[in-house]
Protein backbone atom coordinates (compact mmCIF):
# COMPACT_ATOMS: atom_id res chain seq x y z
CA MET A 1 -50.93 27.40 261.33
CA LEU A 2 -53.90 25.06 260.85
CA LYS A 3 -55.80 22.95 263.33
CA LEU A 4 -57.86 19.97 262.19
CA ASP A 5 -59.65 17.34 264.18
CA LEU A 6 -58.72 14.11 262.21
CA HIS A 7 -60.67 11.58 264.15
CA ILE A 8 -64.46 12.23 264.34
CA HIS A 9 -67.44 9.91 264.22
CA SER A 10 -70.80 11.04 262.85
CA GLN A 11 -74.28 9.54 262.67
CA TYR A 12 -72.96 7.17 260.06
CA SER A 13 -71.17 5.26 262.80
CA ASP A 14 -73.52 2.92 264.69
CA ASP A 15 -72.23 4.19 268.05
CA ALA A 16 -72.27 7.97 267.30
CA ILE A 17 -74.65 10.91 266.78
CA GLY A 18 -74.30 14.17 264.90
CA SER A 19 -74.73 15.00 261.25
CA PRO A 20 -71.72 16.06 259.11
CA ARG A 21 -73.25 19.51 258.75
CA ASP A 22 -73.59 20.03 262.47
CA ILE A 23 -70.08 18.75 263.08
CA ILE A 24 -68.75 21.30 260.61
CA LYS A 25 -70.68 24.07 262.35
CA SER A 26 -69.39 23.08 265.77
CA LEU A 27 -65.81 22.91 264.62
CA LYS A 28 -65.94 26.28 262.84
CA LYS A 29 -67.37 27.81 266.01
CA GLU A 30 -64.38 26.42 267.93
CA GLY A 31 -62.08 28.06 265.47
CA LEU A 32 -60.74 24.88 263.83
CA HIS A 33 -59.89 24.87 260.12
CA GLY A 34 -60.83 21.42 259.16
CA MET A 35 -61.53 17.80 260.02
CA ALA A 36 -61.72 14.21 258.88
CA ILE A 37 -64.84 12.21 259.54
CA THR A 38 -63.60 8.71 260.17
CA ASP A 39 -66.69 6.60 260.66
CA HIS A 40 -66.44 2.87 261.49
CA ASN A 41 -65.91 0.90 258.31
CA THR A 42 -67.73 3.43 256.04
CA VAL A 43 -66.82 6.46 254.11
CA GLU A 44 -70.43 7.69 253.83
CA GLY A 45 -70.07 10.41 256.48
CA GLY A 46 -66.83 11.69 255.08
CA LEU A 47 -68.19 11.94 251.58
CA LYS A 48 -71.30 13.66 252.78
CA ALA A 49 -69.22 16.27 254.60
CA LEU A 50 -67.01 16.76 251.55
CA LYS A 51 -70.02 17.75 249.46
CA ILE A 52 -71.42 20.31 251.92
CA ALA A 53 -68.27 21.86 253.31
CA PRO A 54 -67.84 25.62 252.90
CA LYS A 55 -64.81 26.91 251.00
CA ASP A 56 -63.05 28.07 254.17
CA PHE A 57 -63.17 24.67 255.79
CA ILE A 58 -61.03 21.63 254.96
CA VAL A 59 -62.66 18.19 254.87
CA ILE A 60 -60.63 15.07 254.43
CA PRO A 61 -62.79 11.99 253.66
CA GLY A 62 -61.85 9.00 255.71
CA THR A 63 -62.79 5.93 257.68
CA GLU A 64 -61.66 3.98 260.69
CA ILE A 65 -61.26 0.39 259.62
CA SER A 66 -61.52 -2.61 261.91
CA THR A 67 -58.58 -4.81 261.07
CA ALA A 68 -58.04 -8.27 262.54
CA ASP A 69 -55.72 -6.73 265.15
CA GLY A 70 -57.18 -3.28 265.92
CA HIS A 71 -58.28 -0.10 264.21
CA MET A 72 -56.59 1.79 261.39
CA ILE A 73 -57.55 5.17 260.06
CA GLY A 74 -57.52 5.80 256.33
CA LEU A 75 -57.31 9.47 255.38
CA ASN A 76 -58.23 10.65 251.89
CA VAL A 77 -60.14 7.42 251.32
CA LYS A 78 -63.33 7.63 249.24
CA GLU A 79 -64.34 4.00 249.11
CA ASP A 80 -65.03 1.41 251.78
CA ILE A 81 -62.24 -0.93 252.68
CA PRO A 82 -63.11 -4.45 253.87
CA ARG A 83 -62.93 -5.01 257.60
CA GLY A 84 -61.20 -8.01 259.21
CA LEU A 85 -58.10 -7.95 257.11
CA SER A 86 -54.66 -8.01 258.75
CA VAL A 87 -52.92 -4.73 259.59
CA GLU A 88 -50.54 -5.11 256.72
CA GLU A 89 -53.35 -5.85 254.20
CA THR A 90 -55.46 -2.90 255.38
CA ILE A 91 -52.51 -0.44 255.12
CA GLU A 92 -51.92 -1.68 251.53
CA LYS A 93 -55.61 -1.25 250.67
CA ILE A 94 -55.46 2.32 252.01
CA ILE A 95 -52.41 3.14 250.02
CA ASP A 96 -53.83 1.48 246.85
CA VAL A 97 -56.81 3.86 246.89
CA GLY A 98 -54.57 6.92 247.34
CA GLY A 99 -55.04 7.25 251.03
CA ILE A 100 -52.76 7.70 254.05
CA ALA A 101 -52.78 5.10 256.93
CA VAL A 102 -52.68 6.44 260.47
CA ALA A 103 -52.68 4.24 263.56
CA PRO A 104 -55.11 5.60 266.20
CA HIS A 105 -55.19 5.08 269.95
CA LEU A 106 -52.24 2.64 269.70
CA PHE A 107 -52.54 1.16 273.26
CA ARG A 108 -56.34 0.80 273.54
CA ASN A 109 -57.22 -2.67 274.84
CA MET A 110 -59.78 -3.76 272.31
CA SER A 111 -58.97 -1.56 269.31
CA GLY A 112 -55.36 -0.46 269.28
CA ILE A 113 -52.86 -2.38 267.02
CA LYS A 114 -50.23 -2.13 269.83
CA LYS A 115 -46.59 -1.48 269.50
CA GLU A 116 -45.70 -4.97 268.16
CA LYS A 117 -47.88 -4.54 265.03
CA LEU A 118 -46.68 -0.98 264.59
CA LYS A 119 -43.11 -2.15 264.64
CA LYS A 120 -43.79 -4.43 261.69
CA ASN A 121 -45.58 -1.76 259.66
CA TYR A 122 -44.28 1.62 260.62
CA THR A 123 -42.38 2.11 257.40
CA LYS A 124 -45.64 2.22 255.47
CA ILE A 125 -47.29 4.83 257.62
CA PRO A 126 -46.16 8.48 258.11
CA ALA A 127 -47.94 9.04 261.46
CA ILE A 128 -49.68 7.69 264.48
CA GLU A 129 -52.30 9.45 266.52
CA VAL A 130 -50.38 10.99 269.46
CA TYR A 131 -53.32 12.72 271.06
CA ASN A 132 -56.78 11.14 271.44
CA SER A 133 -59.30 12.88 273.63
CA CYS A 134 -60.82 9.59 274.76
CA SER A 135 -57.49 8.33 275.98
CA LEU A 136 -55.84 8.91 279.35
CA PRO A 137 -53.18 11.68 279.39
CA LYS A 138 -50.50 9.24 280.32
CA THR A 139 -51.44 7.07 277.39
CA ASN A 140 -51.21 9.97 274.98
CA ILE A 141 -47.70 10.70 276.40
CA LYS A 142 -46.69 7.13 275.96
CA THR A 143 -47.94 7.13 272.35
CA ALA A 144 -46.15 10.36 271.60
CA GLN A 145 -42.85 8.69 272.85
CA VAL A 146 -43.43 5.79 270.49
CA ALA A 147 -43.95 8.19 267.55
CA LYS A 148 -40.61 9.74 268.30
CA GLU A 149 -38.94 6.35 268.74
CA PHE A 150 -39.99 5.33 265.28
CA ASP A 151 -39.41 8.75 263.77
CA LEU A 152 -43.08 9.19 262.77
CA GLY A 153 -45.24 12.27 262.60
CA GLY A 154 -48.28 12.74 264.81
CA THR A 155 -51.96 13.44 264.51
CA GLY A 156 -54.55 14.59 267.01
CA GLY A 157 -58.25 13.66 266.98
CA SER A 158 -61.07 13.95 269.43
CA ASP A 159 -62.42 10.47 268.62
CA SER A 160 -65.71 12.21 269.42
CA HIS A 161 -68.98 10.28 269.11
CA ASP A 162 -70.93 13.29 270.24
CA LEU A 163 -71.13 16.83 269.00
CA LEU A 164 -70.24 18.19 272.45
CA TYR A 165 -66.66 17.02 272.19
CA VAL A 166 -65.61 17.59 268.56
CA GLY A 167 -62.41 19.64 268.40
CA TYR A 168 -61.16 18.49 271.86
CA ALA A 169 -58.03 17.31 270.07
CA TYR A 170 -56.56 18.38 266.76
CA THR A 171 -53.65 18.04 264.37
CA ILE A 172 -51.28 20.92 264.03
CA VAL A 173 -50.21 21.73 260.52
CA ASP A 174 -47.53 24.35 260.03
CA SER A 175 -49.09 26.06 257.08
CA THR A 176 -51.77 28.56 256.15
CA ASP A 177 -52.63 26.88 252.85
CA MET A 178 -56.27 25.72 253.12
CA THR A 179 -56.09 22.77 250.80
CA ILE A 180 -56.38 19.11 251.37
CA ASP A 181 -53.17 18.41 249.29
CA THR A 182 -51.16 20.57 251.56
CA VAL A 183 -52.42 18.95 254.75
CA LEU A 184 -51.88 15.42 253.34
CA SER A 185 -48.46 16.43 252.07
CA GLU A 186 -47.41 17.63 255.59
CA ILE A 187 -48.70 14.39 257.14
CA ASN A 188 -46.79 12.37 254.57
CA LYS A 189 -43.67 14.33 255.28
CA LYS A 190 -44.03 13.54 259.09
CA LYS A 191 -44.27 17.22 259.97
CA THR A 192 -47.56 17.25 261.89
CA TRP A 193 -48.32 16.66 265.51
CA GLY A 194 -51.33 16.33 267.83
CA GLU A 195 -52.48 18.41 270.73
CA GLY A 196 -55.68 18.83 272.79
CA ILE A 197 -57.40 17.98 276.06
CA VAL A 198 -59.10 14.87 277.27
CA MET A 199 -62.86 14.50 277.58
CA PRO A 200 -64.49 14.64 281.01
CA LEU A 201 -64.04 11.53 283.09
CA ASP A 202 -67.73 10.85 283.38
CA TYR A 203 -68.19 10.89 279.62
CA ARG A 204 -65.17 8.58 279.04
CA ARG A 205 -66.56 6.25 281.68
CA ASP A 206 -70.00 6.18 280.10
CA ARG A 207 -68.41 5.58 276.67
CA MET A 208 -66.47 2.64 277.99
CA LEU A 209 -69.55 1.10 279.56
CA LYS A 210 -71.58 1.67 276.40
CA SER A 211 -68.82 0.14 274.29
CA LEU A 212 -68.77 -2.93 276.51
CA LYS A 213 -72.55 -3.27 276.30
CA GLN A 214 -72.47 -3.12 272.52
CA PHE A 215 -69.63 -5.61 272.43
CA PHE A 216 -71.90 -8.15 274.20
CA GLN A 217 -74.87 -7.24 272.06
CA ARG A 218 -72.85 -7.91 268.93
CA GLY A 219 -72.03 -11.38 270.22
CA PHE A 220 -68.56 -10.64 271.49
CA LYS A 221 -67.51 -9.05 268.28
CA ARG A 222 -65.39 -5.96 268.17
CA ILE A 223 -66.80 -3.01 266.12
């Protein structure tokens, strides 16, 4: 069985710290088998990690794209996808470049695509993020119920913006094959799920306040 944190932000996200190299070291120390770096609107961090990853650690390049209606993760994406497109257009762009679209933190106020948008697009995505370490436990439970309602697989990701919390959530893959292709295949077949623990309350509170401050500094624009 493999465990991979499929939602991590590195120093290549404006609101995060930690180099790809240090993130890999931290996750290996925690006993995880791989990760996806999903920086905001850039694949730079994921591509860097892919180049330096040891042979016994899976790195899936990715990005978290800001659509017009919330965030969408693209796994196995090696080129930047324009921000600000509709959810539908963003999913199509991800698929066109050979990636897999995964909806993260579905119910988050400023960055989740919400159930209504999912309902219109769920046939084009194999999974939603059912465990996010920055979300409340009850929200993760609610998201997991939605995944089952739409017969989707699940992923888990820490959504960490700090090295201290990488690996707090992870995706379970029922395989021992340490290849990207196997992991992606299992996600596509809707056979993965997410587990983990939430981050400490004080950290989640500080992240929320920081996010609000940055929102105002950007001129009321979402990341």
